Amino acid sequence: MDRPTIFSPQKANVGLFCDVFPPVMDGVSVCMQNYARWMQQKVGGVCVVTPNVPGTDYSRLDYQVFDYFSIPVPMRHPYVTGIAEIDPTFLAKIATTRFKILHAHCPFASGMAAMRIARLQKVPLVATFHSKYRDDFARVMPKLAVDMVIDQIIDFYERADLVWVPQESVVDVIREYGFKGHVEVMDNGSDLVDDYPESYFVEARRRLGIAPEEFVMLFVGQHIWEKNPRLIIESLARIPDIPFRMYFVGVGYAAEGMRELVSERGLDGKVTFVGSITDRSKLTDYYAASDLFLFPSLYDNAPLVVREAAALHSPSVMARDATASTILRDGENGFLVENDPERMAALLRELIHDPARVHRVGLQASKSIVRSWEDCVEEVLDRYNVLLRSRGLPLIERPA
């Protein structure tokens, strides 16, 4: 099949809007990247709209990126934000671009730009509710101000033509925030789907300097207290007699505090802070080298990292009753534990002593909760066309 033509500035199929995009890496960023990549391959005419990360060159991508002037988000390095409509270069580009449909992956500056452009061009706007925004603001703002921000966020979703959430349990979250409209579940995928031979896992350990017999645990994500890294550290401190290696991958405002807590608990010899990894092949090595993925977050809605770990046969330990943990069946394709360091330490002790069980559950996780981004994007495009057809608008056509 011929490759779809590269983006034409006069005509576009899909505009993808978000305040976060590589090189800033988190779950939403990875989602945006894979939407853009696979849509461009399948239908062409994809344009990403995002605030500029200084020093980033998007010219080698096979889809268009309209980046606009940005400023750092206070206390949330490396995140940036900005107002698209005050950037004259952006305005000049967007003024000559006609979209069929827009998709906002956040309700903030880029999402509001998507809303205004959708209304101006009279095209539908799809909006995905990815995160527990209340938790983000509650850390730095008084309750009254948080309530006002949440009202504005829900107003944004109320004005979208179609609202998606990435997991069934997230419907409850957006309802708790006050959203009363129609909601659809659209799964996230993984770009790490493959039939990995056993030799791949052996080589990943060799590349990272990990011995075959070592039991390895891993956390990947923002280093923020909302993701519950304290529970991980306090639990590890309660099994001093058991050998293991623990890796934390990521950055965030809590990184220094996490390092201090690790030192205070005498874990420096067992715990390594890797920092941010933007190279997906290097990150894949860490997933492949790990036996167990620790992600007891009470904050996340539908974390991609749990599915990514599962793709490399590493099952997750998640907090029981957390929104994110509903994709797991305890003891079958993952492990659930109470939000208590004693309980988690007891579970880790049990699992480290039974690596065959951990491996068995990891294999089941790879079969039950992993879906390719290509497959997800096929469904996304079909849903876009259902919405376009219902409005009597031109469909997104696939190349012959």
Protein backbone atom coordinates (compact mmCIF):
# COMPACT_ATOMS: atom_id res chain seq x y z
CA MET A 1 0.00 0.00 0.00
CA ASP A 2 1.28 3.46 -0.89
CA ARG A 3 2.24 5.62 2.04
CA PRO A 4 -0.31 8.42 2.75
CA THR A 5 0.82 11.81 1.54
CA ILE A 6 2.61 14.05 4.00
CA PHE A 7 0.55 16.80 5.62
CA SER A 8 -0.74 19.53 3.29
CA PRO A 9 -1.02 22.96 4.92
CA GLN A 10 -4.31 23.60 3.12
CA LYS A 11 -6.13 20.43 4.15
CA ALA A 12 -5.86 18.21 7.23
CA ASN A 13 -7.75 15.24 8.58
CA VAL A 14 -7.09 15.33 12.31
CA GLY A 15 -5.78 17.93 14.74
CA LEU A 16 -4.41 16.49 17.99
CA PHE A 17 -4.10 19.03 20.81
CA CYS A 18 -2.33 18.63 24.14
CA ASP A 19 -0.15 20.60 26.56
CA VAL A 20 2.33 17.71 26.75
CA PHE A 21 4.21 16.04 23.92
CA PRO A 22 7.68 14.50 23.53
CA PRO A 23 10.38 15.22 24.58
CA VAL A 24 8.29 15.69 27.76
CA MET A 25 7.28 12.13 28.57
CA ASP A 26 4.27 10.86 30.47
CA GLY A 27 1.30 8.64 29.64
CA VAL A 28 -0.66 11.32 27.79
CA SER A 29 2.44 12.30 25.82
CA VAL A 30 2.97 8.69 24.72
CA CYS A 31 -0.71 8.47 23.79
CA MET A 32 -0.47 11.62 21.65
CA GLN A 33 2.70 10.38 19.97
CA ASN A 34 1.14 7.06 19.01
CA TYR A 35 -2.14 8.60 17.84
CA ALA A 36 -0.13 10.88 15.55
CA ARG A 37 2.20 8.17 14.31
CA TRP A 38 -0.46 5.61 13.43
CA MET A 39 -3.01 8.07 12.07
CA GLN A 40 -0.38 9.52 9.77
CA GLN A 41 0.46 6.05 8.48
CA LYS A 42 -3.18 5.10 7.96
CA VAL A 43 -4.82 8.28 6.65
CA GLY A 44 -2.25 11.09 6.56
CA GLY A 45 -3.06 14.73 7.21
CA VAL A 46 -2.26 14.70 10.94
CA CYS A 47 -1.31 17.85 12.82
CA VAL A 48 -0.20 17.99 16.46
CA VAL A 49 -0.72 21.27 18.34
CA THR A 50 1.32 21.67 21.52
CA PRO A 51 3.37 24.28 23.43
CA ASN A 52 6.98 24.49 22.38
CA VAL A 53 9.69 22.73 24.37
CA PRO A 54 12.80 24.89 23.83
CA GLY A 55 15.41 23.23 21.67
CA THR A 56 13.07 20.63 20.20
CA ASP A 57 13.16 19.99 16.45
CA TYR A 58 10.00 18.39 15.03
CA SER A 59 11.03 18.66 11.39
CA ARG A 60 12.00 14.99 11.06
CA LEU A 61 8.55 13.72 12.00
CA ASP A 62 6.33 12.57 9.15
CA TYR A 63 3.39 14.54 10.52
CA GLN A 64 3.09 18.25 11.16
CA VAL A 65 3.62 19.83 14.60
CA PHE A 66 2.32 23.34 15.21
CA ASP A 67 4.14 24.34 18.38
CA TYR A 68 3.57 27.70 20.00
CA PHE A 69 5.29 29.97 22.51
CA SER A 70 5.46 28.46 26.00
CA ILE A 71 6.50 29.09 29.58
CA PRO A 72 7.46 26.51 32.26
CA VAL A 73 4.71 25.23 34.57
CA PRO A 74 5.68 26.33 38.12
CA MET A 75 6.92 23.46 40.30
CA ARG A 76 6.24 20.88 37.55
CA HIS A 77 9.46 20.67 35.53
CA PRO A 78 9.71 19.70 32.65
CA TYR A 79 6.09 20.62 31.82
CA VAL A 80 5.33 23.77 29.82
CA THR A 81 2.21 25.70 28.89
CA GLY A 82 1.22 28.73 26.87
CA ILE A 83 -1.56 30.48 24.98
CA ALA A 84 -1.56 29.47 21.35
CA GLU A 85 -3.42 32.53 20.09
CA ILE A 86 -0.72 34.99 21.19
CA ASP A 87 1.89 33.34 18.95
CA PRO A 88 1.72 35.02 15.51
CA THR A 89 3.62 32.20 13.77
CA PHE A 90 1.15 29.66 15.09
CA LEU A 91 -1.80 31.83 14.08
CA ALA A 92 -0.47 32.15 10.55
CA LYS A 93 -0.21 28.35 10.23
CA ILE A 94 -3.56 27.55 11.77
CA ALA A 95 -5.35 30.19 9.69
CA THR A 96 -4.52 28.30 6.48
CA THR A 97 -5.32 24.81 7.80
CA ARG A 98 -8.73 23.23 7.46
CA PHE A 99 -9.46 20.24 9.71
CA LYS A 100 -12.10 17.53 9.51
CA ILE A 101 -12.05 16.77 13.24
CA LEU A 102 -10.13 17.91 16.33
CA HIS A 103 -9.17 15.88 19.39
CA ALA A 104 -8.13 17.53 22.67
CA HIS A 105 -6.17 15.42 25.13
CA CYS A 106 -6.26 18.01 27.91
CA PRO A 107 -8.72 20.72 29.03
CA PHE A 108 -6.16 23.49 29.46
CA ALA A 109 -4.51 25.94 27.03
CA SER A 110 -4.22 23.64 24.02
CA GLY A 111 -7.65 22.17 24.70
CA MET A 112 -9.21 25.62 24.78
CA ALA A 113 -7.46 26.44 21.50
CA ALA A 114 -8.96 23.27 20.02
CA MET A 115 -12.39 24.34 21.26
CA ARG A 116 -12.12 27.76 19.63
CA ILE A 117 -10.81 26.37 16.33
CA ALA A 118 -13.53 23.70 16.24
CA ARG A 119 -16.22 26.34 16.68
CA LEU A 120 -14.64 28.62 14.10
CA GLN A 121 -14.28 25.87 11.50
CA LYS A 122 -17.58 24.17 12.48
CA VAL A 123 -15.99 20.75 12.94
CA PRO A 124 -16.48 18.28 15.82
CA LEU A 125 -14.28 18.23 18.92
CA VAL A 126 -13.48 14.98 20.73
CA ALA A 127 -12.05 15.42 24.25
CA THR A 128 -10.36 12.70 26.32
CA PHE A 129 -10.42 12.94 30.13
CA HIS A 130 -7.03 11.44 31.04
CA SER A 131 -6.12 12.54 34.57
CA LYS A 132 -7.30 13.22 38.10
CA TYR A 133 -6.94 16.96 37.72
CA ARG A 134 -8.31 17.71 41.18
CA ASP A 135 -5.33 15.99 42.80
CA ASP A 136 -2.90 18.09 40.75
CA PHE A 137 -4.43 21.38 41.88
CA ALA A 138 -5.18 20.35 45.47
CA ARG A 139 -1.45 20.13 46.16
CA VAL A 140 -0.87 23.83 45.43
CA MET A 141 -4.24 25.59 45.77
CA PRO A 142 -6.91 26.09 48.46
CA LYS A 143 -10.09 24.04 48.15
CA LEU A 144 -12.28 26.92 46.96
CA ALA A 145 -9.90 27.68 44.12
CA VAL A 146 -9.64 23.98 43.25
CA ASP A 147 -13.43 23.72 43.05
CA MET A 148 -13.53 26.68 40.69
CA VAL A 149 -10.87 25.14 38.42
CA ILE A 150 -12.70 21.81 38.36
CA ASP A 151 -15.92 23.60 37.39
CA GLN A 152 -14.07 25.18 34.46
CA ILE A 153 -12.64 21.81 33.44
CA ILE A 154 -16.05 20.16 33.48
CA ASP A 155 -17.48 23.08 31.50
CA PHE A 156 -14.85 22.33 28.86
CA TYR A 157 -15.91 18.69 28.60
CA GLU A 158 -19.60 19.62 28.60
CA ARG A 159 -18.97 21.73 25.48
CA ALA A 160 -17.10 18.98 23.59
CA ASP A 161 -19.00 16.99 20.97
CA LEU A 162 -17.79 13.65 22.31
CA VAL A 163 -16.05 12.75 25.59
CA TRP A 164 -13.82 9.71 26.02
CA VAL A 165 -12.17 8.14 29.05
CA PRO A 166 -9.37 5.55 28.78
CA GLN A 167 -10.85 2.98 31.17
CA GLU A 168 -14.31 2.03 32.45
CA SER A 169 -13.49 2.97 36.05
CA VAL A 170 -12.64 6.53 34.96
CA VAL A 171 -16.32 7.13 34.18
CA ASP A 172 -16.86 7.27 37.95
CA VAL A 173 -14.11 9.90 38.29
CA ILE A 174 -15.52 12.28 35.71
CA ARG A 175 -19.00 11.81 37.20
CA GLU A 176 -17.63 12.69 40.65
CA TYR A 177 -16.23 15.87 39.14
CA GLY A 178 -19.74 16.81 38.00
CA PHE A 179 -19.88 15.78 34.34
CA LYS A 180 -23.39 14.69 33.38
CA GLY A 181 -23.06 14.14 29.62
CA HIS A 182 -22.47 11.06 27.52
CA VAL A 183 -19.12 9.29 28.07
CA GLU A 184 -17.47 6.59 25.99
CA VAL A 185 -14.55 4.33 26.91
CA MET A 186 -11.68 4.32 24.41
CA ASP A 187 -8.79 2.10 25.47
CA ASN A 188 -5.17 3.14 25.42
CA GLY A 189 -2.63 0.87 23.80
CA SER A 190 1.03 -0.04 23.98
CA ASP A 191 3.84 0.48 21.48
CA LEU A 192 5.81 -2.37 23.05
CA VAL A 193 3.61 -5.17 21.72
CA ASP A 194 5.78 -7.88 20.22
CA ASP A 195 6.56 -11.58 20.46
CA TYR A 196 9.69 -11.27 22.59
CA PRO A 197 11.94 -14.35 22.63
CA GLU A 198 13.43 -15.47 25.92
CA SER A 199 16.83 -14.31 24.72
CA TYR A 200 15.56 -10.72 24.67
CA PHE A 201 15.00 -10.73 28.42
CA VAL A 202 18.42 -12.26 29.04
CA GLU A 203 20.09 -9.62 26.87
CA ALA A 204 18.18 -6.77 28.52
CA ARG A 205 19.57 -7.82 31.88
CA ARG A 206 23.05 -8.10 30.45
CA ARG A 207 22.83 -4.59 28.97
CA LEU A 208 21.79 -3.18 32.35
CA GLY A 209 24.35 -5.16 34.34
CA ILE A 210 21.79 -7.26 36.19
CA ALA A 211 22.65 -10.84 37.13
CA PRO A 212 20.24 -13.59 35.95
CA GLU A 213 19.31 -14.61 39.51
CA GLU A 214 18.61 -11.10 40.87
CA PHE A 215 15.00 -10.21 41.63
CA VAL A 216 14.29 -6.81 40.07
CA MET A 217 11.44 -4.40 40.80
CA LEU A 218 10.61 -1.28 38.82
CA PHE A 219 8.63 1.97 39.00
CA VAL A 220 8.20 4.19 35.93
CA GLY A 221 6.41 7.51 36.16
CA GLN A 222 6.45 11.04 37.47
CA HIS A 223 8.24 11.29 40.79
CA ILE A 224 5.38 12.92 42.66
CA TRP A 225 3.96 11.92 46.03
CA GLU A 226 0.48 11.53 44.51
CA LYS A 227 1.70 8.35 42.80
CA ASN A 228 2.40 6.83 46.22
CA PRO A 229 6.16 6.16 45.98
CA ARG A 230 6.34 6.50 49.77
CA LEU A 231 4.42 3.23 50.09
CA ILE A 232 6.98 1.50 47.86
CA ILE A 233 9.97 2.80 49.80
CA GLU A 234 8.49 2.12 53.23
CA SER A 235 7.54 -1.41 52.13
CA LEU A 236 11.03 -2.16 50.81
CA ALA A 237 12.50 -0.95 54.09
CA ARG A 238 10.54 -3.69 55.86
CA ILE A 239 12.26 -6.54 54.01
CA PRO A 240 15.95 -5.82 54.82
CA ASP A 241 16.84 -9.51 54.90
CA ILE A 242 15.78 -10.15 51.30
CA PRO A 243 18.07 -9.38 48.32
CA PHE A 244 16.52 -7.38 45.48
CA ARG A 245 17.17 -4.46 43.14
CA MET A 246 14.70 -1.60 42.75
CA TYR A 247 14.77 0.99 39.96
CA PHE A 248 12.87 4.28 39.88
CA VAL A 249 12.60 5.75 36.38
CA GLY A 250 11.31 9.30 35.94
CA VAL A 251 11.58 12.83 37.28
CA GLY A 252 9.35 15.11 39.33
CA TYR A 253 9.13 17.50 42.25
CA ALA A 254 9.34 14.65 44.81
CA ALA A 255 12.50 13.08 43.39
CA GLU A 256 14.85 14.60 45.98
CA GLY A 257 12.50 13.74 48.84
CA MET A 258 12.30 10.15 47.58
CA ARG A 259 16.09 9.90 47.49
CA GLU A 260 16.31 11.24 51.04
CA LEU A 261 13.72 8.73 52.25
CA VAL A 262 15.61 5.88 50.56
CA SER A 263 18.80 6.94 52.36
CA GLU A 264 17.02 7.32 55.70
CA ARG A 265 15.66 3.78 55.37
CA GLY A 266 19.06 2.33 54.53
CA LEU A 267 18.15 1.33 50.99
CA ASP A 268 20.88 3.09 49.01
CA GLY A 269 22.56 -0.21 48.15
CA LYS A 270 19.37 -1.70 46.71
CA VAL A 271 17.54 1.25 45.13
CA THR A 272 18.67 3.15 42.02
CA PHE A 273 17.19 6.37 40.67
CA VAL A 274 17.63 6.29 36.91
CA GLY A 275 16.12 9.67 36.00
CA SER A 276 14.16 10.38 32.84
CA ILE A 277 14.43 7.98 29.90
CA THR A 278 13.17 9.27 26.56
CA ASP A 279 14.73 6.47 24.51
CA ARG A 280 11.96 3.87 24.23
CA SER A 281 14.40 1.04 23.51
CA LYS A 282 16.29 1.80 26.72
CA LEU A 283 13.04 1.97 28.69
CA THR A 284 12.01 -1.34 27.16
CA ASP A 285 15.20 -2.86 28.57
CA TYR A 286 14.15 -1.85 32.08
CA TYR A 287 10.69 -3.36 31.61
CA ALA A 288 12.20 -6.57 30.21
CA ALA A 289 14.77 -6.82 33.00
CA SER A 290 12.21 -6.38 35.80
CA ASP A 291 10.37 -9.22 37.50
CA LEU A 292 7.74 -7.04 39.16
CA PHE A 293 6.33 -3.59 38.42
CA LEU A 294 5.36 -1.57 41.52
CA PHE A 295 2.64 1.00 40.86
CA PRO A 296 0.40 1.51 43.93
CA SER A 297 -0.79 4.93 42.74
CA LEU A 298 -4.07 6.30 44.06
CA TYR A 299 -3.77 9.20 41.61
CA ASP A 300 -3.73 7.65 38.15
CA ASN A 301 -6.76 6.87 36.05
CA ALA A 302 -5.42 4.46 33.41
CA PRO A 303 -1.60 4.42 33.50
CA LEU A 304 0.07 3.29 30.29
CA VAL A 305 3.11 2.09 32.20
CA VAL A 306 1.16 -0.83 33.70
CA ARG A 307 0.29 -2.07 30.21
CA GLU A 308 3.82 -1.42 28.99
CA ALA A 309 5.27 -3.48 31.82
CA ALA A 310 2.75 -6.24 31.11
CA ALA A 311 3.82 -6.29 27.46
CA LEU A 312 7.28 -7.30 28.70
CA HIS A 313 5.80 -9.95 31.06
CA SER A 314 6.25 -7.88 34.21
CA PRO A 315 3.06 -7.99 36.34
CA SER A 316 2.07 -5.02 38.47
CA VAL A 317 1.44 -4.60 42.17
CA MET A 318 -1.31 -1.98 42.47
CA ALA A 319 -3.35 -0.49 45.30
CA ARG A 320 -6.58 -2.33 45.91
CA ASP A 321 -9.69 -0.24 45.05
CA ALA A 322 -7.63 2.38 43.19
CA THR A 323 -9.20 3.65 39.97
CA ALA A 324 -6.28 2.37 37.91
CA SER A 325 -6.26 -1.14 39.39
CA THR A 326 -9.63 -2.27 38.03
CA ILE A 327 -7.96 -3.85 34.98
CA LEU A 328 -6.28 -6.41 37.25
CA ARG A 329 -7.60 -9.67 38.68
CA ASP A 330 -5.65 -10.33 41.86
CA GLY A 331 -3.28 -13.26 41.48
CA GLU A 332 -4.27 -13.83 37.84
CA ASN A 333 -2.82 -10.96 35.79
CA GLY A 334 -1.44 -8.80 38.59
CA PHE A 335 -1.44 -8.31 42.34
CA LEU A 336 -3.56 -6.03 44.53
CA VAL A 337 -2.56 -4.84 47.97
CA GLU A 338 -3.93 -2.54 50.66
CA ASN A 339 -2.42 0.92 50.94
CA ASP A 340 -0.33 -0.16 53.91
CA PRO A 341 3.46 -0.71 54.02
CA GLU A 342 3.22 -3.77 56.27
CA ARG A 343 0.74 -5.47 53.91
CA MET A 344 2.76 -4.56 50.86
CA ALA A 345 6.01 -5.71 52.45
CA ALA A 346 4.41 -9.06 53.26
CA LEU A 347 3.24 -9.44 49.65
CA LEU A 348 6.65 -8.52 48.24
CA ARG A 349 8.35 -11.01 50.58
CA GLU A 350 5.99 -13.72 49.34
CA LEU A 351 6.45 -12.88 45.66
CA ILE A 352 10.23 -12.55 45.77
CA HIS A 353 10.35 -16.06 47.22
CA ASP A 354 8.15 -17.38 44.38
CA PRO A 355 9.54 -16.01 41.09
CA ALA A 356 7.86 -18.77 39.08
CA ARG A 357 4.46 -17.50 40.21
CA VAL A 358 5.40 -13.93 39.36
CA HIS A 359 6.50 -15.00 35.89
CA ARG A 360 3.29 -16.97 35.33
CA VAL A 361 1.14 -13.98 36.29
CA GLY A 362 3.26 -11.72 34.08
CA LEU A 363 2.61 -13.90 31.06
CA GLN A 364 -1.12 -13.73 31.73
CA ALA A 365 -0.90 -9.94 32.05
CA SER A 366 0.73 -9.74 28.62
CA LYS A 367 -2.20 -11.68 27.14
CA SER A 368 -5.05 -9.91 28.93
CA ILE A 369 -4.34 -6.17 29.31
CA VAL A 370 -2.09 -5.31 26.37
CA ARG A 371 -3.47 -3.92 23.11
CA SER A 372 -1.42 -2.42 20.31
CA TRP A 373 -1.65 1.28 19.53
CA GLU A 374 -2.22 0.37 15.89
CA ASP A 375 -5.35 -1.56 16.83
CA CYS A 376 -6.54 1.27 19.10
CA VAL A 377 -6.07 3.89 16.40
CA GLU A 378 -8.06 1.79 13.92
CA GLU A 379 -10.97 2.01 16.35
CA VAL A 380 -10.36 5.71 16.98
CA LEU A 381 -10.59 6.49 13.27
CA ASP A 382 -13.77 4.46 12.94
CA ARG A 383 -15.31 6.38 15.85
CA TYR A 384 -14.26 9.70 14.33
CA ASN A 385 -16.11 8.77 11.16
CA VAL A 386 -19.22 7.73 13.07
CA LEU A 387 -19.28 11.21 14.62
CA LEU A 388 -18.59 12.93 11.30
CA ARG A 389 -21.29 10.89 9.55
CA SER A 390 -23.82 11.80 12.24
CA ARG A 391 -23.15 15.47 11.52
CA GLY A 392 -23.30 15.07 7.75
CA LEU A 393 -19.64 16.09 7.42
CA PRO A 394 -16.94 14.73 5.10
CA LEU A 395 -15.40 11.50 6.37
CA ILE A 396 -11.73 10.73 6.91
CA GLU A 397 -10.91 8.63 3.88
CA ARG A 398 -8.24 5.96 3.79
CA PRO A 399 -5.87 5.89 0.81
CA ALA A 400 -6.64 3.31 -1.85
